[in-house]
Amino acid sequence: MTVPTGRPATVREHTVETLSEWIANRISLYLKRPADQIASTVPLAEYGLDSVAALSLCGDIEEDFDLVLEPTVAWDYPTIDALAGYLVEELRATVGEA
């Protein structure tokens, strides 16, 4: 299993699909479950995502994508698809501000 560790060269490379894969890989590490067993449309809480893992996810997003998020983001956008969609919009907004 390969886990992306660095930021891609440009924000424009980010899509819901690439971010969904990145999130699934992170969640699989936290939950000690293969990424291909985590459906992108199932709420992460149903897999046992807890507040510690959600906070870790926010830290990883901040580190890899230079986005500071509220720790509640995993509950506000409870599925991989929803969170990836939100991140794409946030990343595009940061490009617009630059």
N, C-alpha and C. Protein backbone atom coordinates (compact mmCIF):
# COMPACT_ATOMS: atom_id res chain seq x y z
N MET A 1 0.85 -1.18 0.00
CA MET A 1 0.00 0.00 0.00
C MET A 1 0.89 1.23 0.00
N THR A 2 0.65 2.13 -0.92
CA THR A 2 1.41 3.37 -1.02
C THR A 2 0.56 4.51 -0.50
N VAL A 3 1.16 5.32 0.35
CA VAL A 3 0.45 6.47 0.90
C VAL A 3 1.15 7.73 0.41
N PRO A 4 0.44 8.60 -0.32
CA PRO A 4 1.06 9.83 -0.77
C PRO A 4 1.52 10.65 0.43
N THR A 5 2.72 11.19 0.33
CA THR A 5 3.24 11.96 1.45
C THR A 5 3.48 13.42 1.13
N GLY A 6 3.73 13.75 -0.11
CA GLY A 6 4.03 15.13 -0.45
C GLY A 6 2.90 15.79 -1.19
N ARG A 7 2.99 17.11 -1.27
CA ARG A 7 1.97 17.85 -2.01
C ARG A 7 2.27 17.77 -3.49
N PRO A 8 1.25 17.58 -4.33
CA PRO A 8 1.47 17.64 -5.77
C PRO A 8 1.95 19.03 -6.16
N ALA A 9 2.52 19.13 -7.34
CA ALA A 9 3.15 20.37 -7.79
C ALA A 9 2.19 21.56 -7.81
N THR A 10 0.96 21.33 -8.24
CA THR A 10 0.01 22.44 -8.32
C THR A 10 -1.34 22.03 -7.78
N VAL A 11 -2.09 23.01 -7.32
CA VAL A 11 -3.43 22.76 -6.82
C VAL A 11 -4.33 22.26 -7.93
N ARG A 12 -4.10 22.67 -9.14
CA ARG A 12 -4.95 22.27 -10.26
C ARG A 12 -4.95 20.76 -10.49
N GLU A 13 -3.95 20.07 -9.98
CA GLU A 13 -3.88 18.62 -10.14
C GLU A 13 -4.87 17.90 -9.24
N HIS A 14 -5.40 18.58 -8.26
CA HIS A 14 -6.32 17.95 -7.32
C HIS A 14 -7.71 17.80 -7.92
N THR A 15 -8.23 16.59 -7.79
CA THR A 15 -9.60 16.32 -8.21
C THR A 15 -10.28 15.58 -7.06
N VAL A 16 -11.58 15.47 -7.14
CA VAL A 16 -12.29 14.70 -6.13
C VAL A 16 -11.74 13.27 -6.10
N GLU A 17 -11.42 12.73 -7.26
CA GLU A 17 -10.92 11.35 -7.32
C GLU A 17 -9.56 11.22 -6.65
N THR A 18 -8.63 12.12 -6.94
CA THR A 18 -7.29 12.01 -6.33
C THR A 18 -7.35 12.26 -4.83
N LEU A 19 -8.17 13.21 -4.42
CA LEU A 19 -8.29 13.48 -2.99
C LEU A 19 -9.04 12.36 -2.27
N SER A 20 -10.01 11.75 -2.93
CA SER A 20 -10.71 10.61 -2.34
C SER A 20 -9.74 9.46 -2.09
N GLU A 21 -8.87 9.23 -3.04
CA GLU A 21 -7.87 8.17 -2.87
C GLU A 21 -6.92 8.50 -1.72
N TRP A 22 -6.48 9.75 -1.66
CA TRP A 22 -5.59 10.18 -0.59
C TRP A 22 -6.27 10.01 0.78
N ILE A 23 -7.52 10.45 0.88
CA ILE A 23 -8.26 10.33 2.15
C ILE A 23 -8.45 8.85 2.51
N ALA A 24 -8.83 8.03 1.55
CA ALA A 24 -9.03 6.60 1.82
C ALA A 24 -7.75 5.96 2.33
N ASN A 25 -6.62 6.33 1.76
CA ASN A 25 -5.34 5.79 2.23
C ASN A 25 -5.04 6.23 3.66
N ARG A 26 -5.32 7.47 3.98
CA ARG A 26 -5.11 7.96 5.34
C ARG A 26 -6.03 7.24 6.32
N ILE A 27 -7.31 7.17 5.97
CA ILE A 27 -8.29 6.53 6.85
C ILE A 27 -7.91 5.06 7.06
N SER A 28 -7.43 4.41 6.02
CA SER A 28 -7.06 3.00 6.17
C SER A 28 -5.93 2.83 7.18
N LEU A 29 -5.03 3.80 7.23
CA LEU A 29 -3.95 3.74 8.23
C LEU A 29 -4.50 3.90 9.64
N TYR A 30 -5.38 4.88 9.82
CA TYR A 30 -5.93 5.13 11.15
C TYR A 30 -6.77 3.97 11.64
N LEU A 31 -7.54 3.36 10.74
CA LEU A 31 -8.47 2.30 11.13
C LEU A 31 -7.88 0.90 10.96
N LYS A 32 -6.64 0.84 10.45
CA LYS A 32 -5.97 -0.45 10.23
C LYS A 32 -6.85 -1.39 9.41
N ARG A 33 -7.30 -0.84 8.29
CA ARG A 33 -8.19 -1.57 7.38
C ARG A 33 -7.76 -1.24 5.96
N PRO A 34 -7.80 -2.21 5.03
CA PRO A 34 -7.41 -1.92 3.64
C PRO A 34 -8.27 -0.81 3.03
N ALA A 35 -7.62 0.08 2.30
CA ALA A 35 -8.32 1.22 1.69
C ALA A 35 -9.43 0.76 0.75
N ASP A 36 -9.24 -0.38 0.08
CA ASP A 36 -10.26 -0.84 -0.85
C ASP A 36 -11.50 -1.40 -0.14
N GLN A 37 -11.45 -1.48 1.18
CA GLN A 37 -12.62 -1.90 1.96
C GLN A 37 -13.36 -0.72 2.59
N ILE A 38 -12.95 0.49 2.20
CA ILE A 38 -13.60 1.69 2.72
C ILE A 38 -14.34 2.35 1.57
N ALA A 39 -15.66 2.29 1.61
CA ALA A 39 -16.49 2.87 0.55
C ALA A 39 -16.51 4.39 0.71
N SER A 40 -16.39 5.07 -0.41
CA SER A 40 -16.31 6.54 -0.37
C SER A 40 -17.64 7.21 -0.05
N THR A 41 -18.73 6.45 -0.03
CA THR A 41 -20.05 7.02 0.23
C THR A 41 -20.61 6.65 1.61
N VAL A 42 -19.85 5.87 2.37
CA VAL A 42 -20.29 5.46 3.70
C VAL A 42 -19.71 6.42 4.73
N PRO A 43 -20.53 6.91 5.66
CA PRO A 43 -20.00 7.80 6.69
C PRO A 43 -18.83 7.16 7.44
N LEU A 44 -17.78 7.92 7.61
CA LEU A 44 -16.57 7.41 8.24
C LEU A 44 -16.82 6.95 9.67
N ALA A 45 -17.76 7.56 10.34
CA ALA A 45 -18.09 7.14 11.71
C ALA A 45 -18.57 5.69 11.73
N GLU A 46 -19.20 5.23 10.64
CA GLU A 46 -19.66 3.84 10.59
C GLU A 46 -18.49 2.86 10.55
N TYR A 47 -17.32 3.33 10.15
CA TYR A 47 -16.12 2.49 10.16
C TYR A 47 -15.38 2.59 11.49
N GLY A 48 -15.83 3.47 12.35
CA GLY A 48 -15.19 3.62 13.65
C GLY A 48 -14.24 4.79 13.74
N LEU A 49 -14.33 5.74 12.81
CA LEU A 49 -13.48 6.93 12.89
C LEU A 49 -13.84 7.69 14.16
N ASP A 50 -12.84 7.93 15.00
CA ASP A 50 -13.09 8.65 16.24
C ASP A 50 -12.48 10.04 16.17
N SER A 51 -12.63 10.79 17.24
CA SER A 51 -12.15 12.17 17.24
C SER A 51 -10.64 12.25 17.12
N VAL A 52 -9.92 11.29 17.66
CA VAL A 52 -8.45 11.30 17.56
C VAL A 52 -8.04 11.12 16.10
N ALA A 53 -8.65 10.18 15.41
CA ALA A 53 -8.34 9.95 14.00
C ALA A 53 -8.77 11.14 13.15
N ALA A 54 -9.91 11.74 13.47
CA ALA A 54 -10.37 12.92 12.72
C ALA A 54 -9.39 14.07 12.89
N LEU A 55 -8.88 14.26 14.09
CA LEU A 55 -7.89 15.31 14.34
C LEU A 55 -6.59 15.01 13.60
N SER A 56 -6.20 13.75 13.57
CA SER A 56 -5.00 13.35 12.81
C SER A 56 -5.19 13.63 11.33
N LEU A 57 -6.38 13.35 10.82
CA LEU A 57 -6.67 13.61 9.42
C LEU A 57 -6.54 15.10 9.12
N CYS A 58 -7.07 15.94 10.00
CA CYS A 58 -6.94 17.39 9.81
C CYS A 58 -5.48 17.81 9.80
N GLY A 59 -4.69 17.23 10.67
CA GLY A 59 -3.25 17.53 10.71
C GLY A 59 -2.55 17.11 9.43
N ASP A 60 -2.92 15.94 8.91
CA ASP A 60 -2.32 15.47 7.65
C ASP A 60 -2.72 16.37 6.48
N ILE A 61 -3.96 16.81 6.47
CA ILE A 61 -4.43 17.72 5.41
C ILE A 61 -3.65 19.03 5.49
N GLU A 62 -3.50 19.55 6.70
CA GLU A 62 -2.75 20.79 6.87
C GLU A 62 -1.31 20.63 6.39
N GLU A 63 -0.69 19.52 6.75
CA GLU A 63 0.70 19.28 6.38
C GLU A 63 0.88 19.08 4.87
N ASP A 64 0.02 18.25 4.28
CA ASP A 64 0.19 17.90 2.87
C ASP A 64 -0.37 18.93 1.89
N PHE A 65 -1.39 19.67 2.32
CA PHE A 65 -2.06 20.58 1.39
C PHE A 65 -2.05 22.04 1.84
N ASP A 66 -1.45 22.30 2.99
CA ASP A 66 -1.34 23.65 3.53
C ASP A 66 -2.70 24.31 3.71
N LEU A 67 -3.67 23.50 4.19
CA LEU A 67 -5.01 23.99 4.50
C LEU A 67 -5.25 23.80 5.99
N VAL A 68 -5.67 24.85 6.65
CA VAL A 68 -6.02 24.74 8.06
C VAL A 68 -7.53 24.55 8.15
N LEU A 69 -7.93 23.45 8.76
CA LEU A 69 -9.35 23.10 8.85
C LEU A 69 -9.79 23.01 10.29
N GLU A 70 -11.07 23.21 10.50
CA GLU A 70 -11.65 22.99 11.82
C GLU A 70 -11.61 21.49 12.10
N PRO A 71 -11.39 21.10 13.33
CA PRO A 71 -11.35 19.67 13.65
C PRO A 71 -12.67 18.94 13.39
N THR A 72 -13.75 19.68 13.24
CA THR A 72 -15.05 19.06 12.99
C THR A 72 -15.30 18.72 11.52
N VAL A 73 -14.33 19.00 10.67
CA VAL A 73 -14.55 18.82 9.23
C VAL A 73 -14.95 17.38 8.88
N ALA A 74 -14.41 16.41 9.59
CA ALA A 74 -14.75 15.01 9.30
C ALA A 74 -16.20 14.71 9.66
N TRP A 75 -16.78 15.49 10.54
CA TRP A 75 -18.19 15.28 10.90
C TRP A 75 -19.08 16.15 10.00
N ASP A 76 -18.58 17.31 9.60
CA ASP A 76 -19.34 18.18 8.70
C ASP A 76 -19.45 17.58 7.29
N TYR A 77 -18.42 16.87 6.89
CA TYR A 77 -18.36 16.20 5.57
C TYR A 77 -18.04 14.73 5.87
N PRO A 78 -19.06 13.95 6.23
CA PRO A 78 -18.83 12.64 6.85
C PRO A 78 -18.38 11.50 5.95
N THR A 79 -18.40 11.68 4.65
CA THR A 79 -17.94 10.60 3.76
C THR A 79 -16.67 11.05 3.04
N ILE A 80 -15.97 10.10 2.49
CA ILE A 80 -14.76 10.43 1.72
C ILE A 80 -15.12 11.33 0.56
N ASP A 81 -16.19 11.00 -0.17
CA ASP A 81 -16.58 11.82 -1.32
C ASP A 81 -16.93 13.25 -0.90
N ALA A 82 -17.67 13.39 0.19
CA ALA A 82 -18.06 14.73 0.65
C ALA A 82 -16.83 15.53 1.08
N LEU A 83 -15.94 14.90 1.82
CA LEU A 83 -14.74 15.59 2.28
C LEU A 83 -13.84 15.96 1.10
N ALA A 84 -13.69 15.06 0.16
CA ALA A 84 -12.86 15.35 -1.02
C ALA A 84 -13.43 16.51 -1.82
N GLY A 85 -14.74 16.54 -1.99
CA GLY A 85 -15.38 17.66 -2.69
C GLY A 85 -15.13 18.97 -1.98
N TYR A 86 -15.25 18.97 -0.68
CA TYR A 86 -14.99 20.18 0.11
C TYR A 86 -13.53 20.61 -0.04
N LEU A 87 -12.60 19.67 0.03
CA LEU A 87 -11.18 20.01 -0.09
C LEU A 87 -10.85 20.59 -1.46
N VAL A 88 -11.44 20.04 -2.51
CA VAL A 88 -11.22 20.59 -3.86
C VAL A 88 -11.63 22.05 -3.90
N GLU A 89 -12.79 22.36 -3.35
CA GLU A 89 -13.27 23.75 -3.33
C GLU A 89 -12.36 24.64 -2.50
N GLU A 90 -11.92 24.17 -1.37
CA GLU A 90 -11.02 24.95 -0.51
C GLU A 90 -9.68 25.20 -1.21
N LEU A 91 -9.16 24.18 -1.86
CA LEU A 91 -7.88 24.34 -2.57
C LEU A 91 -8.02 25.32 -3.73
N ARG A 92 -9.13 25.26 -4.44
CA ARG A 92 -9.35 26.21 -5.54
C ARG A 92 -9.49 27.62 -5.00
N ALA A 93 -10.13 27.76 -3.85
CA ALA A 93 -10.29 29.09 -3.24
C ALA A 93 -8.93 29.67 -2.84
N THR A 94 -8.02 28.83 -2.40
CA THR A 94 -6.70 29.34 -2.01
C THR A 94 -5.93 29.82 -3.24
N VAL A 95 -6.15 29.19 -4.38
CA VAL A 95 -5.50 29.63 -5.62
C VAL A 95 -6.05 30.99 -6.01
N GLY A 96 -7.37 31.17 -5.86
CA GLY A 96 -8.00 32.43 -6.19
C GLY A 96 -7.52 33.56 -5.32
N GLU A 97 -7.15 33.27 -4.08
CA GLU A 97 -6.68 34.29 -3.14
C GLU A 97 -5.23 34.65 -3.40
N ALA A 98 -4.49 33.76 -4.03
CA ALA A 98 -3.04 33.99 -4.23
C ALA A 98 -2.76 35.01 -5.30
